[in-house]
Protein backbone atom coordinates (compact mmCIF):
# COMPACT_ATOMS: atom_id res chain seq x y z
CA MET A 1 -77.05 -57.00 20.10
CA SER A 2 -80.47 -55.62 20.97
CA GLU A 3 -83.71 -56.89 19.47
CA PRO A 4 -84.27 -55.52 15.94
CA LYS A 5 -86.95 -52.84 15.62
CA THR A 6 -88.49 -51.03 12.68
CA TYR A 7 -87.48 -47.38 12.45
CA TYR A 8 -89.30 -44.82 10.33
CA PHE A 9 -87.71 -41.60 9.12
CA VAL A 10 -87.88 -38.34 7.27
CA ALA A 11 -84.62 -37.06 5.83
CA ALA A 12 -83.58 -33.88 4.06
CA SER A 13 -80.69 -31.49 3.87
CA ARG A 14 -79.47 -30.36 7.28
CA LYS A 15 -80.00 -26.73 6.28
CA PHE A 16 -83.63 -27.40 5.33
CA LEU A 17 -84.55 -29.39 8.45
CA ILE A 18 -82.65 -27.40 11.04
CA GLU A 19 -82.48 -23.86 9.67
CA THR A 20 -85.30 -23.36 7.14
CA GLU A 21 -88.18 -25.34 8.64
CA PRO A 22 -89.57 -24.81 12.16
CA LEU A 23 -88.56 -28.37 13.05
CA GLU A 24 -87.32 -27.49 16.52
CA GLU A 25 -90.73 -26.05 17.38
CA SER A 26 -92.51 -29.13 16.02
CA LEU A 27 -90.28 -31.50 17.98
CA LYS A 28 -90.74 -29.48 21.18
CA GLU A 29 -94.51 -29.68 20.65
CA ARG A 30 -94.33 -33.45 20.15
CA ARG A 31 -92.01 -33.87 23.15
CA LYS A 32 -94.43 -31.93 25.39
CA ASN A 33 -97.28 -34.10 24.12
CA TYR A 34 -95.31 -37.23 25.04
CA LEU A 35 -94.40 -35.92 28.49
CA ASP A 36 -98.02 -34.94 29.18
CA ARG A 37 -99.07 -38.51 28.32
CA HIS A 38 -96.13 -40.07 30.21
CA LYS A 39 -94.97 -41.68 26.99
CA GLU A 40 -91.33 -42.55 26.43
CA ILE A 41 -89.62 -40.40 23.77
CA ASP A 42 -89.23 -42.54 20.65
CA PHE A 43 -87.97 -40.00 18.12
CA TRP A 44 -84.56 -38.49 17.50
CA LEU A 45 -83.04 -35.77 15.32
CA ILE A 46 -79.83 -37.08 13.77
CA GLU A 47 -77.35 -34.92 11.88
CA SER A 48 -75.34 -36.83 9.25
CA PRO A 49 -77.22 -40.09 9.86
CA ALA A 50 -75.14 -43.19 9.23
CA PHE A 51 -78.15 -45.33 8.27
CA LEU A 52 -78.28 -43.52 4.92
CA GLU A 53 -74.95 -45.19 4.11
CA ALA A 54 -76.65 -48.59 3.97
CA PRO A 55 -76.75 -50.10 0.46
CA ALA A 56 -80.57 -50.05 0.50
CA PHE A 57 -80.52 -46.24 0.70
CA ARG A 58 -77.85 -45.55 -1.94
CA SER A 59 -80.37 -44.11 -4.40
CA LEU A 60 -82.24 -42.13 -1.76
CA LYS A 61 -79.02 -40.66 -0.36
CA GLN A 62 -78.12 -39.30 -3.80
CA GLN A 63 -81.43 -37.40 -3.90
CA ILE A 64 -80.88 -35.56 -0.60
CA PRO A 65 -78.60 -32.49 -0.56
CA HIS A 66 -75.63 -32.85 1.78
CA PRO A 67 -75.02 -32.51 4.63
CA THR A 68 -78.10 -34.44 5.65
CA ALA A 69 -80.24 -34.70 8.75
CA ALA A 70 -83.08 -37.02 9.68
CA VAL A 71 -85.72 -37.55 12.30
CA ILE A 72 -86.20 -41.21 13.09
CA SER A 73 -88.78 -42.90 15.27
CA THR A 74 -90.07 -46.32 16.18
CA ASP A 75 -93.58 -44.86 15.89
CA PRO A 76 -94.75 -44.45 12.28
CA GLN A 77 -97.34 -41.87 13.39
CA VAL A 78 -94.58 -39.47 14.46
CA ILE A 79 -93.10 -39.60 10.97
CA THR A 80 -96.51 -39.25 9.32
CA TRP A 81 -97.14 -36.23 11.57
CA LEU A 82 -93.80 -34.67 10.56
CA LYS A 83 -94.28 -35.45 6.89
CA LEU A 84 -97.57 -33.54 6.97
CA ARG A 85 -95.76 -30.50 8.42
CA LEU A 86 -92.64 -30.60 6.29
CA GLU A 87 -92.40 -30.49 2.54
CA PHE A 88 -89.48 -31.67 0.47
CA VAL A 89 -88.45 -34.54 2.74
CA ALA A 90 -87.69 -38.12 1.86
CA SER A 91 -89.18 -40.82 4.02
CA GLY A 92 -88.79 -44.52 4.55
CA GLU A 93 -88.15 -47.24 7.05
CA PHE A 94 -85.51 -49.75 8.05
CA ILE A 95 -84.88 -52.50 10.58
CA ALA A 96 -82.00 -52.15 13.02
CA PRO A 97 -79.77 -53.37 14.35
CA SER A 98 -78.84 -55.28 11.24
CA ASP A 99 -75.68 -56.11 9.30
CA SER A 100 -75.96 -52.94 7.21
CA ILE A 101 -77.30 -50.69 10.03
CA PRO A 102 -75.79 -51.82 13.34
CA ASP A 103 -76.80 -48.62 15.22
CA PRO A 104 -79.91 -46.72 14.06
CA LEU A 105 -78.83 -43.52 15.85
CA ALA A 106 -75.23 -43.47 14.63
CA THR A 107 -73.80 -40.46 12.85
CA ILE A 108 -71.05 -40.08 10.28
CA ASN A 109 -68.05 -38.24 11.67
């Protein structure tokens, strides 16, 4: 098992994040910024994120229309940056790997 890290996220309905909002453009902009600075990519777009199944997120999961999507990062500034650009998203953080979230990037089939 790898060393636990703190992950930060924004989550919303898949339709909102992927179809309604210009998320792809924002992530491309952030990716270019990282590449220009030779910084390792530390954010991911996850459709149907499994971490929302953890008991700690039961209440939050009920508030997000399904199917869900999330952007997670180990850098809280990335999530703050996204939250400023996107409205109507839930946000939070978690530590993984853990008993309830063994793989932070896992999806639900």
